[in-house]
Amino acid sequence: MHIKKGDTVIVMRGKEAPYFENGKKVFTKGRVIKVLPKENRAIVEGVNMVKKHARPSQANPQGGIIEKEAAIHLSNLMIEDPKTKEPTKVGYKFVEGKNGEKKKVRYAKKSGEILE
């Protein structure tokens, strides 16, 4: 998986796709709340909001219409580069870790910065 929980991602397709405002490209960004690997989808904070009709329950005695995030396909998301703050592809490389062992890490292809 090139996207993990806690990553800051940019939405590239759909109703929150990038658009131009005053000659500058504006991106919709969000933090990944949950990744669903079997469905190839992720739930991103504040993105793909849907309205859900909820029955009254103990947790929500009023019931009514609730707005919540829906899952979005991973192919529509790109990682935000930590240095340039633009969308970037993710690469993998082995880095020398503690005790001389090699560790596989993700890195941003645009700037070469390692993603934590």
N, C-alpha and C. Protein backbone atom coordinates (compact mmCIF):
# COMPACT_ATOMS: atom_id res chain seq x y z
N MET A 1 0.84 -1.19 0.00
CA MET A 1 0.00 0.00 0.00
C MET A 1 0.89 1.25 0.00
N HIS A 2 0.60 2.17 -0.92
CA HIS A 2 1.41 3.39 -0.95
C HIS A 2 0.84 4.46 -0.02
N ILE A 3 -0.36 4.23 0.52
CA ILE A 3 -0.98 5.17 1.44
C ILE A 3 -1.24 4.45 2.76
N LYS A 4 -0.90 5.11 3.88
CA LYS A 4 -1.11 4.53 5.20
C LYS A 4 -1.92 5.48 6.08
N LYS A 5 -2.43 4.97 7.18
CA LYS A 5 -3.19 5.77 8.12
C LYS A 5 -2.31 6.89 8.67
N GLY A 6 -2.86 8.11 8.70
CA GLY A 6 -2.11 9.26 9.22
C GLY A 6 -1.43 10.08 8.15
N ASP A 7 -1.34 9.56 6.91
CA ASP A 7 -0.71 10.31 5.82
C ASP A 7 -1.58 11.50 5.43
N THR A 8 -0.94 12.58 4.96
CA THR A 8 -1.66 13.70 4.37
C THR A 8 -1.70 13.44 2.87
N VAL A 9 -2.92 13.40 2.33
CA VAL A 9 -3.10 13.08 0.91
C VAL A 9 -3.80 14.22 0.20
N ILE A 10 -3.66 14.23 -1.13
CA ILE A 10 -4.32 15.20 -2.00
C ILE A 10 -5.26 14.43 -2.90
N VAL A 11 -6.50 14.93 -3.03
CA VAL A 11 -7.50 14.29 -3.87
C VAL A 11 -7.27 14.76 -5.31
N MET A 12 -7.09 13.81 -6.23
CA MET A 12 -6.78 14.14 -7.62
C MET A 12 -7.98 14.02 -8.55
N ARG A 13 -9.01 13.25 -8.17
CA ARG A 13 -10.17 13.04 -9.02
C ARG A 13 -11.43 13.14 -8.17
N GLY A 14 -12.57 13.33 -8.83
CA GLY A 14 -13.85 13.38 -8.13
C GLY A 14 -14.30 14.81 -7.90
N LYS A 15 -15.28 14.98 -7.02
CA LYS A 15 -15.83 16.32 -6.80
C LYS A 15 -14.88 17.25 -6.06
N GLU A 16 -13.84 16.71 -5.41
CA GLU A 16 -12.84 17.54 -4.73
C GLU A 16 -11.54 17.63 -5.53
N ALA A 17 -11.60 17.43 -6.85
CA ALA A 17 -10.40 17.45 -7.70
C ALA A 17 -9.77 18.85 -7.70
N PRO A 18 -8.47 18.94 -8.05
CA PRO A 18 -7.81 20.25 -8.10
C PRO A 18 -8.49 21.20 -9.10
N TYR A 19 -8.52 22.47 -8.75
CA TYR A 19 -9.11 23.48 -9.63
C TYR A 19 -8.24 24.74 -9.59
N PHE A 20 -8.47 25.65 -10.54
CA PHE A 20 -7.69 26.88 -10.62
C PHE A 20 -8.48 28.04 -10.04
N GLU A 21 -7.80 28.82 -9.17
CA GLU A 21 -8.40 30.01 -8.58
C GLU A 21 -7.37 31.12 -8.65
N ASN A 22 -7.70 32.20 -9.35
CA ASN A 22 -6.79 33.34 -9.57
C ASN A 22 -5.47 32.88 -10.20
N GLY A 23 -5.54 31.94 -11.13
CA GLY A 23 -4.35 31.48 -11.83
C GLY A 23 -3.48 30.51 -11.05
N LYS A 24 -3.93 30.07 -9.87
CA LYS A 24 -3.15 29.15 -9.05
C LYS A 24 -3.95 27.87 -8.82
N LYS A 25 -3.27 26.74 -8.85
CA LYS A 25 -3.92 25.45 -8.65
C LYS A 25 -4.20 25.23 -7.16
N VAL A 26 -5.45 24.88 -6.84
CA VAL A 26 -5.86 24.66 -5.46
C VAL A 26 -6.16 23.17 -5.27
N PHE A 27 -5.55 22.58 -4.23
CA PHE A 27 -5.72 21.16 -3.95
C PHE A 27 -6.60 20.97 -2.72
N THR A 28 -7.36 19.86 -2.71
CA THR A 28 -8.10 19.46 -1.52
C THR A 28 -7.24 18.45 -0.79
N LYS A 29 -6.88 18.77 0.45
CA LYS A 29 -6.00 17.92 1.25
C LYS A 29 -6.76 17.38 2.45
N GLY A 30 -6.30 16.26 2.96
CA GLY A 30 -6.90 15.68 4.15
C GLY A 30 -6.00 14.61 4.73
N ARG A 31 -6.28 14.24 5.98
CA ARG A 31 -5.52 13.21 6.66
C ARG A 31 -6.27 11.90 6.56
N VAL A 32 -5.56 10.81 6.30
CA VAL A 32 -6.18 9.50 6.16
C VAL A 32 -6.58 9.00 7.55
N ILE A 33 -7.87 8.70 7.71
CA ILE A 33 -8.40 8.19 8.98
C ILE A 33 -8.29 6.68 9.03
N LYS A 34 -8.62 6.03 7.91
CA LYS A 34 -8.67 4.57 7.86
C LYS A 34 -8.39 4.10 6.45
N VAL A 35 -7.64 3.00 6.31
CA VAL A 35 -7.37 2.40 5.00
C VAL A 35 -8.07 1.05 4.95
N LEU A 36 -8.77 0.80 3.85
CA LEU A 36 -9.48 -0.46 3.63
C LEU A 36 -8.78 -1.21 2.49
N PRO A 37 -7.75 -2.02 2.78
CA PRO A 37 -6.93 -2.62 1.73
C PRO A 37 -7.68 -3.62 0.84
N LYS A 38 -8.65 -4.34 1.38
CA LYS A 38 -9.38 -5.32 0.56
C LYS A 38 -10.21 -4.64 -0.52
N GLU A 39 -10.73 -3.46 -0.23
CA GLU A 39 -11.53 -2.72 -1.22
C GLU A 39 -10.71 -1.69 -1.99
N ASN A 40 -9.40 -1.54 -1.67
CA ASN A 40 -8.54 -0.52 -2.29
C ASN A 40 -9.09 0.89 -2.07
N ARG A 41 -9.56 1.16 -0.87
CA ARG A 41 -10.16 2.45 -0.56
C ARG A 41 -9.60 3.01 0.74
N ALA A 42 -9.81 4.31 0.94
CA ALA A 42 -9.39 4.97 2.18
C ALA A 42 -10.45 5.98 2.58
N ILE A 43 -10.55 6.24 3.88
CA ILE A 43 -11.44 7.27 4.39
C ILE A 43 -10.56 8.45 4.77
N VAL A 44 -10.84 9.61 4.14
CA VAL A 44 -10.02 10.81 4.33
C VAL A 44 -10.85 11.87 5.05
N GLU A 45 -10.23 12.51 6.05
CA GLU A 45 -10.90 13.51 6.88
C GLU A 45 -11.39 14.69 6.04
N GLY A 46 -12.71 14.95 6.07
CA GLY A 46 -13.29 16.11 5.39
C GLY A 46 -13.47 15.96 3.89
N VAL A 47 -13.25 14.76 3.35
CA VAL A 47 -13.35 14.53 1.90
C VAL A 47 -14.45 13.52 1.63
N ASN A 48 -15.19 13.70 0.52
CA ASN A 48 -16.25 12.79 0.09
C ASN A 48 -17.33 12.67 1.17
N MET A 49 -17.82 13.81 1.62
CA MET A 49 -18.85 13.84 2.66
C MET A 49 -20.19 13.40 2.08
N VAL A 50 -20.89 12.51 2.82
CA VAL A 50 -22.21 12.03 2.40
C VAL A 50 -23.18 12.23 3.56
N LYS A 51 -24.47 12.31 3.22
CA LYS A 51 -25.50 12.45 4.25
C LYS A 51 -26.11 11.09 4.50
N LYS A 52 -26.21 10.72 5.78
CA LYS A 52 -26.74 9.42 6.17
C LYS A 52 -27.93 9.66 7.10
N HIS A 53 -29.03 8.98 6.81
CA HIS A 53 -30.22 9.10 7.64
C HIS A 53 -30.10 8.10 8.79
N ALA A 54 -30.12 8.60 10.02
CA ALA A 54 -29.91 7.74 11.19
C ALA A 54 -31.19 7.67 12.02
N ARG A 55 -31.51 6.47 12.48
CA ARG A 55 -32.66 6.28 13.37
C ARG A 55 -32.26 6.72 14.78
N PRO A 56 -33.20 7.10 15.60
CA PRO A 56 -32.87 7.44 16.99
C PRO A 56 -32.28 6.24 17.72
N SER A 57 -31.22 6.48 18.48
CA SER A 57 -30.58 5.43 19.27
C SER A 57 -30.13 6.06 20.59
N GLN A 58 -29.52 5.24 21.45
CA GLN A 58 -29.04 5.79 22.72
C GLN A 58 -27.91 6.78 22.50
N ALA A 59 -27.06 6.49 21.53
CA ALA A 59 -25.94 7.39 21.23
C ALA A 59 -26.45 8.68 20.59
N ASN A 60 -27.48 8.58 19.76
CA ASN A 60 -28.04 9.73 19.06
C ASN A 60 -29.56 9.72 19.25
N PRO A 61 -30.08 10.23 20.40
CA PRO A 61 -31.51 10.12 20.70
C PRO A 61 -32.40 10.90 19.73
N GLN A 62 -31.86 11.93 19.12
CA GLN A 62 -32.64 12.76 18.19
C GLN A 62 -32.82 12.07 16.84
N GLY A 63 -31.79 11.30 16.39
CA GLY A 63 -31.85 10.72 15.04
C GLY A 63 -31.59 11.82 14.03
N GLY A 64 -32.09 11.66 12.81
CA GLY A 64 -31.98 12.71 11.79
C GLY A 64 -30.90 12.42 10.77
N ILE A 65 -30.44 13.48 10.11
CA ILE A 65 -29.47 13.36 9.02
C ILE A 65 -28.08 13.69 9.55
N ILE A 66 -27.15 12.74 9.35
CA ILE A 66 -25.76 12.89 9.81
C ILE A 66 -24.86 12.99 8.60
N GLU A 67 -23.89 13.91 8.65
CA GLU A 67 -22.90 14.00 7.57
C GLU A 67 -21.63 13.30 8.01
N LYS A 68 -21.11 12.40 7.17
CA LYS A 68 -19.89 11.66 7.51
C LYS A 68 -19.07 11.41 6.25
N GLU A 69 -17.80 11.02 6.47
CA GLU A 69 -16.90 10.76 5.35
C GLU A 69 -17.18 9.37 4.77
N ALA A 70 -17.17 9.28 3.44
CA ALA A 70 -17.29 7.99 2.77
C ALA A 70 -15.93 7.62 2.20
N ALA A 71 -15.76 6.34 1.89
CA ALA A 71 -14.48 5.85 1.37
C ALA A 71 -14.25 6.37 -0.05
N ILE A 72 -12.99 6.60 -0.39
CA ILE A 72 -12.59 7.05 -1.73
C ILE A 72 -11.52 6.10 -2.24
N HIS A 73 -11.53 5.82 -3.54
CA HIS A 73 -10.59 4.85 -4.11
C HIS A 73 -9.16 5.38 -4.04
N LEU A 74 -8.21 4.48 -3.75
CA LEU A 74 -6.81 4.88 -3.59
C LEU A 74 -6.21 5.46 -4.87
N SER A 75 -6.73 5.06 -6.04
CA SER A 75 -6.20 5.58 -7.30
C SER A 75 -6.50 7.07 -7.47
N ASN A 76 -7.45 7.60 -6.70
CA ASN A 76 -7.80 9.01 -6.78
C ASN A 76 -7.04 9.87 -5.78
N LEU A 77 -6.11 9.27 -5.03
CA LEU A 77 -5.35 9.98 -4.00
C LEU A 77 -3.86 9.95 -4.31
N MET A 78 -3.16 11.02 -3.92
CA MET A 78 -1.70 11.06 -4.01
C MET A 78 -1.17 11.63 -2.70
N ILE A 79 0.00 11.16 -2.31
CA ILE A 79 0.66 11.63 -1.09
C ILE A 79 1.12 13.08 -1.30
N GLU A 80 1.02 13.89 -0.22
CA GLU A 80 1.54 15.26 -0.27
C GLU A 80 3.03 15.23 0.04
N ASP A 81 3.83 15.84 -0.83
CA ASP A 81 5.28 15.91 -0.62
C ASP A 81 5.55 16.78 0.60
N PRO A 82 6.33 16.29 1.59
CA PRO A 82 6.58 17.09 2.80
C PRO A 82 7.36 18.38 2.53
N LYS A 83 8.16 18.41 1.47
CA LYS A 83 8.99 19.58 1.18
C LYS A 83 8.25 20.60 0.31
N THR A 84 7.67 20.15 -0.83
CA THR A 84 7.06 21.07 -1.79
C THR A 84 5.57 21.27 -1.59
N LYS A 85 4.92 20.43 -0.77
CA LYS A 85 3.48 20.49 -0.49
C LYS A 85 2.65 20.26 -1.76
N GLU A 86 3.18 19.52 -2.72
CA GLU A 86 2.48 19.17 -3.95
C GLU A 86 2.33 17.66 -4.03
N PRO A 87 1.43 17.17 -4.92
CA PRO A 87 1.26 15.71 -5.03
C PRO A 87 2.51 15.04 -5.57
N THR A 88 2.81 13.85 -5.07
CA THR A 88 4.00 13.12 -5.50
C THR A 88 3.72 11.63 -5.50
N LYS A 89 4.49 10.91 -6.30
CA LYS A 89 4.42 9.46 -6.29
C LYS A 89 5.25 8.95 -5.11
N VAL A 90 5.01 7.70 -4.73
CA VAL A 90 5.72 7.09 -3.61
C VAL A 90 6.65 6.02 -4.13
N GLY A 91 7.89 6.04 -3.67
CA GLY A 91 8.86 5.00 -4.01
C GLY A 91 9.30 4.28 -2.74
N TYR A 92 9.97 3.16 -2.93
CA TYR A 92 10.47 2.37 -1.80
C TYR A 92 11.97 2.19 -1.94
N LYS A 93 12.68 2.28 -0.83
CA LYS A 93 14.11 2.00 -0.85
C LYS A 93 14.52 1.45 0.50
N PHE A 94 15.70 0.83 0.53
CA PHE A 94 16.22 0.27 1.77
C PHE A 94 17.23 1.24 2.35
N VAL A 95 17.08 1.53 3.65
CA VAL A 95 17.95 2.47 4.35
C VAL A 95 18.61 1.72 5.50
N GLU A 96 19.88 2.05 5.73
CA GLU A 96 20.62 1.44 6.84
C GLU A 96 20.01 1.92 8.15
N GLY A 97 19.59 0.98 8.97
CA GLY A 97 18.97 1.31 10.26
C GLY A 97 19.91 1.08 11.41
N LYS A 98 19.33 0.94 12.60
CA LYS A 98 20.14 0.66 13.79
C LYS A 98 20.75 -0.73 13.68
N ASN A 99 21.90 -0.91 14.30
CA ASN A 99 22.63 -2.19 14.32
C ASN A 99 23.02 -2.68 12.92
N GLY A 100 23.07 -1.77 11.94
CA GLY A 100 23.51 -2.13 10.60
C GLY A 100 22.50 -2.89 9.75
N GLU A 101 21.26 -3.05 10.24
CA GLU A 101 20.26 -3.78 9.46
C GLU A 101 19.58 -2.85 8.46
N LYS A 102 19.11 -3.41 7.35
CA LYS A 102 18.44 -2.61 6.33
C LYS A 102 16.95 -2.58 6.62
N LYS A 103 16.35 -1.40 6.39
CA LYS A 103 14.94 -1.20 6.65
C LYS A 103 14.28 -0.62 5.40
N LYS A 104 13.13 -1.17 5.00
CA LYS A 104 12.42 -0.68 3.82
C LYS A 104 11.59 0.53 4.23
N VAL A 105 11.77 1.67 3.52
CA VAL A 105 11.04 2.90 3.82
C VAL A 105 10.39 3.45 2.56
N ARG A 106 9.35 4.26 2.76
CA ARG A 106 8.70 4.96 1.65
C ARG A 106 9.35 6.34 1.51
N TYR A 107 9.47 6.81 0.26
CA TYR A 107 10.01 8.15 0.05
C TYR A 107 9.23 8.86 -1.06
N ALA A 108 9.22 10.19 -1.00
CA ALA A 108 8.55 11.00 -2.01
C ALA A 108 9.47 11.12 -3.22
N LYS A 109 8.97 10.73 -4.38
CA LYS A 109 9.81 10.73 -5.58
C LYS A 109 10.16 12.15 -6.03
N LYS A 110 9.32 13.13 -5.74
CA LYS A 110 9.57 14.50 -6.19
C LYS A 110 10.77 15.13 -5.49
N SER A 111 10.85 14.97 -4.16
CA SER A 111 11.92 15.62 -3.41
C SER A 111 12.93 14.65 -2.83
N GLY A 112 12.62 13.35 -2.83
CA GLY A 112 13.50 12.35 -2.24
C GLY A 112 13.40 12.25 -0.72
N GLU A 113 12.49 13.01 -0.13
CA GLU A 113 12.29 13.03 1.31
C GLU A 113 11.64 11.72 1.79
N ILE A 114 12.12 11.20 2.93
CA ILE A 114 11.56 9.96 3.48
C ILE A 114 10.25 10.27 4.19
N LEU A 115 9.22 9.47 3.93
CA LEU A 115 7.90 9.64 4.55
C LEU A 115 7.85 8.83 5.85
N GLU A 116 7.47 9.47 6.92
CA GLU A 116 7.36 8.80 8.23
C GLU A 116 5.98 8.23 8.41
